Amino acid sequence: MNNLQIFFAEIIGTFGLVLAATGSIVYDAKLENMLGSIFVAVIHFVGLAIVVYLFRKYSMAHFNPAVTIGYFLAGYIKKAIMQI
């Protein structure tokens, strides 16, 4: 895999996870907390499971920018010079 594929997989996966997380909180708040924190936790899990399933072969499937930066600093992801 090249770094550009890893980068876009991480960006799209992180977006999907944040969308599921905030969407579940907003949806529960719109229903006046009728579904509760269990619903929010389950939707977080489902959102993470979906993005891991979709992007597991393109990235390291952690979907946390801080971990990606840590992997870069540790040398697991190499810096690529992109020519346009």
N, C-alpha and C. Protein backbone atom coordinates (compact mmCIF):
# COMPACT_ATOMS: atom_id res chain seq x y z
N MET A 1 0.84 -1.18 0.00
CA MET A 1 0.00 0.00 0.00
C MET A 1 0.89 1.25 0.00
N ASN A 2 0.46 2.23 -0.74
CA ASN A 2 1.22 3.48 -0.67
C ASN A 2 0.60 4.39 0.38
N ASN A 3 1.33 5.42 0.72
CA ASN A 3 0.89 6.30 1.79
C ASN A 3 -0.39 7.06 1.45
N LEU A 4 -0.60 7.35 0.18
CA LEU A 4 -1.81 8.06 -0.21
C LEU A 4 -3.06 7.21 0.04
N GLN A 5 -2.98 5.91 -0.24
CA GLN A 5 -4.11 5.02 0.05
C GLN A 5 -4.36 4.92 1.55
N ILE A 6 -3.29 4.80 2.31
CA ILE A 6 -3.42 4.75 3.77
C ILE A 6 -4.04 6.04 4.29
N PHE A 7 -3.56 7.17 3.78
CA PHE A 7 -4.06 8.47 4.21
C PHE A 7 -5.55 8.60 3.95
N PHE A 8 -6.00 8.31 2.73
CA PHE A 8 -7.41 8.45 2.40
C PHE A 8 -8.27 7.44 3.15
N ALA A 9 -7.78 6.25 3.36
CA ALA A 9 -8.53 5.27 4.15
C ALA A 9 -8.70 5.75 5.59
N GLU A 10 -7.65 6.33 6.15
CA GLU A 10 -7.72 6.86 7.52
C GLU A 10 -8.68 8.05 7.59
N ILE A 11 -8.62 8.94 6.59
CA ILE A 11 -9.49 10.11 6.60
C ILE A 11 -10.96 9.70 6.48
N ILE A 12 -11.26 8.84 5.53
CA ILE A 12 -12.65 8.42 5.33
C ILE A 12 -13.14 7.59 6.51
N GLY A 13 -12.29 6.73 7.05
CA GLY A 13 -12.66 5.93 8.22
C GLY A 13 -12.91 6.78 9.45
N THR A 14 -12.05 7.77 9.66
CA THR A 14 -12.24 8.67 10.80
C THR A 14 -13.52 9.47 10.63
N PHE A 15 -13.79 9.93 9.39
CA PHE A 15 -15.03 10.65 9.13
C PHE A 15 -16.24 9.77 9.42
N GLY A 16 -16.20 8.53 8.99
CA GLY A 16 -17.32 7.61 9.24
C GLY A 16 -17.54 7.37 10.72
N LEU A 17 -16.45 7.22 11.46
CA LEU A 17 -16.56 7.00 12.90
C LEU A 17 -17.12 8.24 13.61
N VAL A 18 -16.64 9.42 13.25
CA VAL A 18 -17.13 10.65 13.86
C VAL A 18 -18.59 10.89 13.47
N LEU A 19 -18.94 10.57 12.23
CA LEU A 19 -20.33 10.72 11.79
C LEU A 19 -21.26 9.80 12.59
N ALA A 20 -20.86 8.56 12.78
CA ALA A 20 -21.69 7.63 13.56
C ALA A 20 -21.80 8.08 15.02
N ALA A 21 -20.67 8.52 15.57
CA ALA A 21 -20.66 8.91 16.98
C ALA A 21 -21.51 10.14 17.23
N THR A 22 -21.25 11.20 16.49
CA THR A 22 -22.02 12.43 16.73
C THR A 22 -23.45 12.28 16.25
N GLY A 23 -23.65 11.54 15.18
CA GLY A 23 -25.01 11.33 14.69
C GLY A 23 -25.88 10.61 15.70
N SER A 24 -25.31 9.62 16.37
CA SER A 24 -26.10 8.89 17.37
C SER A 24 -26.43 9.77 18.57
N ILE A 25 -25.51 10.63 18.95
CA ILE A 25 -25.76 11.53 20.08
C ILE A 25 -26.83 12.56 19.71
N VAL A 26 -26.72 13.12 18.52
CA VAL A 26 -27.71 14.11 18.07
C VAL A 26 -29.09 13.46 17.92
N TYR A 27 -29.13 12.27 17.34
CA TYR A 27 -30.40 11.57 17.17
C TYR A 27 -31.05 11.26 18.52
N ASP A 28 -30.25 10.82 19.48
CA ASP A 28 -30.78 10.53 20.81
C ASP A 28 -31.27 11.81 21.48
N ALA A 29 -30.55 12.90 21.30
CA ALA A 29 -30.97 14.17 21.90
C ALA A 29 -32.26 14.66 21.25
N LYS A 30 -32.41 14.43 19.94
CA LYS A 30 -33.64 14.85 19.27
C LYS A 30 -34.85 14.07 19.80
N LEU A 31 -34.63 12.84 20.20
CA LEU A 31 -35.71 12.04 20.78
C LEU A 31 -35.80 12.22 22.30
N GLU A 32 -35.18 13.27 22.81
CA GLU A 32 -35.19 13.64 24.23
C GLU A 32 -34.64 12.52 25.11
N ASN A 33 -33.51 11.97 24.71
CA ASN A 33 -32.78 10.93 25.45
C ASN A 33 -33.63 9.69 25.73
N MET A 34 -34.53 9.40 24.81
CA MET A 34 -35.40 8.23 24.98
C MET A 34 -34.61 6.93 24.79
N LEU A 35 -33.63 6.93 23.91
CA LEU A 35 -32.88 5.70 23.62
C LEU A 35 -31.74 5.46 24.62
N GLY A 36 -31.15 6.50 25.13
CA GLY A 36 -30.16 6.39 26.18
C GLY A 36 -28.74 6.12 25.72
N SER A 37 -27.88 5.95 26.69
CA SER A 37 -26.45 5.80 26.40
C SER A 37 -26.12 4.44 25.79
N ILE A 38 -26.93 3.44 26.02
CA ILE A 38 -26.68 2.13 25.40
C ILE A 38 -26.80 2.25 23.88
N PHE A 39 -27.80 2.99 23.41
CA PHE A 39 -27.96 3.22 21.97
C PHE A 39 -26.73 3.91 21.40
N VAL A 40 -26.25 4.93 22.07
CA VAL A 40 -25.08 5.67 21.60
C VAL A 40 -23.86 4.75 21.55
N ALA A 41 -23.67 3.94 22.57
CA ALA A 41 -22.54 3.01 22.60
C ALA A 41 -22.63 1.97 21.49
N VAL A 42 -23.82 1.45 21.24
CA VAL A 42 -23.99 0.44 20.20
C VAL A 42 -23.73 1.04 18.82
N ILE A 43 -24.20 2.26 18.58
CA ILE A 43 -23.96 2.90 17.28
C ILE A 43 -22.48 3.22 17.10
N HIS A 44 -21.78 3.60 18.16
CA HIS A 44 -20.32 3.77 18.08
C HIS A 44 -19.68 2.46 17.62
N PHE A 45 -20.07 1.36 18.24
CA PHE A 45 -19.51 0.05 17.89
C PHE A 45 -19.83 -0.32 16.45
N VAL A 46 -21.08 -0.12 16.05
CA VAL A 46 -21.48 -0.47 14.68
C VAL A 46 -20.72 0.39 13.67
N GLY A 47 -20.59 1.68 13.94
CA GLY A 47 -19.84 2.57 13.04
C GLY A 47 -18.39 2.15 12.92
N LEU A 48 -17.76 1.82 14.03
CA LEU A 48 -16.37 1.37 14.00
C LEU A 48 -16.24 0.04 13.28
N ALA A 49 -17.17 -0.87 13.51
CA ALA A 49 -17.12 -2.17 12.84
C ALA A 49 -17.25 -2.02 11.33
N ILE A 50 -18.09 -1.10 10.89
CA ILE A 50 -18.27 -0.89 9.45
C ILE A 50 -17.01 -0.34 8.82
N VAL A 51 -16.41 0.70 9.41
CA VAL A 51 -15.22 1.29 8.79
C VAL A 51 -14.02 0.35 8.87
N VAL A 52 -13.91 -0.44 9.92
CA VAL A 52 -12.82 -1.42 9.99
C VAL A 52 -13.01 -2.47 8.91
N TYR A 53 -14.23 -2.93 8.72
CA TYR A 53 -14.50 -3.93 7.69
C TYR A 53 -14.21 -3.38 6.30
N LEU A 54 -14.59 -2.13 6.05
CA LEU A 54 -14.40 -1.54 4.73
C LEU A 54 -12.95 -1.21 4.42
N PHE A 55 -12.19 -0.76 5.40
CA PHE A 55 -10.85 -0.23 5.14
C PHE A 55 -9.73 -1.03 5.77
N ARG A 56 -9.97 -2.23 6.24
CA ARG A 56 -8.94 -2.99 6.93
C ARG A 56 -7.75 -3.33 6.05
N LYS A 57 -7.96 -3.53 4.76
CA LYS A 57 -6.83 -3.89 3.92
C LYS A 57 -6.07 -2.67 3.40
N TYR A 58 -6.62 -1.47 3.57
CA TYR A 58 -5.95 -0.27 3.10
C TYR A 58 -5.18 0.45 4.20
N SER A 59 -5.61 0.31 5.41
CA SER A 59 -4.95 1.02 6.50
C SER A 59 -4.74 0.07 7.66
N MET A 60 -4.24 0.60 8.74
CA MET A 60 -4.03 -0.23 9.92
C MET A 60 -5.27 -0.30 10.80
N ALA A 61 -6.37 0.29 10.33
CA ALA A 61 -7.70 0.20 10.93
C ALA A 61 -7.76 0.66 12.38
N HIS A 62 -7.12 1.76 12.69
CA HIS A 62 -7.28 2.31 14.04
C HIS A 62 -8.10 3.60 14.01
N PHE A 63 -8.11 4.32 12.91
CA PHE A 63 -8.95 5.49 12.68
C PHE A 63 -8.84 6.52 13.78
N ASN A 64 -7.63 6.80 14.15
CA ASN A 64 -7.33 7.82 15.13
C ASN A 64 -6.12 8.58 14.61
N PRO A 65 -6.27 9.86 14.26
CA PRO A 65 -5.14 10.60 13.70
C PRO A 65 -3.91 10.62 14.60
N ALA A 66 -4.11 10.61 15.91
CA ALA A 66 -2.97 10.61 16.82
C ALA A 66 -2.17 9.31 16.69
N VAL A 67 -2.84 8.20 16.49
CA VAL A 67 -2.15 6.92 16.31
C VAL A 67 -1.41 6.90 14.97
N THR A 68 -2.02 7.46 13.94
CA THR A 68 -1.35 7.54 12.64
C THR A 68 -0.08 8.36 12.73
N ILE A 69 -0.13 9.46 13.42
CA ILE A 69 1.07 10.29 13.60
C ILE A 69 2.11 9.52 14.41
N GLY A 70 1.68 8.80 15.43
CA GLY A 70 2.61 7.99 16.22
C GLY A 70 3.26 6.90 15.39
N TYR A 71 2.48 6.25 14.52
CA TYR A 71 3.05 5.24 13.62
C TYR A 71 4.04 5.86 12.67
N PHE A 72 3.75 7.09 12.20
CA PHE A 72 4.68 7.77 11.31
C PHE A 72 5.99 8.07 12.04
N LEU A 73 5.89 8.57 13.27
CA LEU A 73 7.08 8.90 14.04
C LEU A 73 7.88 7.65 14.40
N ALA A 74 7.20 6.53 14.59
CA ALA A 74 7.88 5.28 14.93
C ALA A 74 8.48 4.60 13.70
N GLY A 75 8.09 5.04 12.50
CA GLY A 75 8.67 4.50 11.29
C GLY A 75 7.85 3.43 10.61
N TYR A 76 6.65 3.14 11.10
CA TYR A 76 5.81 2.14 10.46
C TYR A 76 5.23 2.64 9.14
N ILE A 77 5.00 3.96 9.06
CA ILE A 77 4.55 4.59 7.83
C ILE A 77 5.68 5.49 7.36
N LYS A 78 6.10 5.30 6.14
CA LYS A 78 7.22 6.08 5.59
C LYS A 78 6.71 7.34 4.91
N LYS A 79 7.54 8.38 4.95
CA LYS A 79 7.24 9.61 4.28
C LYS A 79 7.46 9.43 2.79
N ALA A 80 6.48 9.78 1.99
CA ALA A 80 6.60 9.65 0.53
C ALA A 80 6.62 11.03 -0.09
N ILE A 81 7.49 11.22 -1.03
CA ILE A 81 7.53 12.47 -1.77
C ILE A 81 6.63 12.30 -2.98
N MET A 82 5.59 13.11 -3.03
CA MET A 82 4.62 12.98 -4.12
C MET A 82 4.97 13.98 -5.21
N GLN A 83 4.99 13.51 -6.42
CA GLN A 83 5.23 14.37 -7.57
C GLN A 83 3.95 14.47 -8.36
N ILE A 84 3.59 15.68 -8.67
CA ILE A 84 2.34 15.90 -9.42
C ILE A 84 2.68 16.20 -10.86
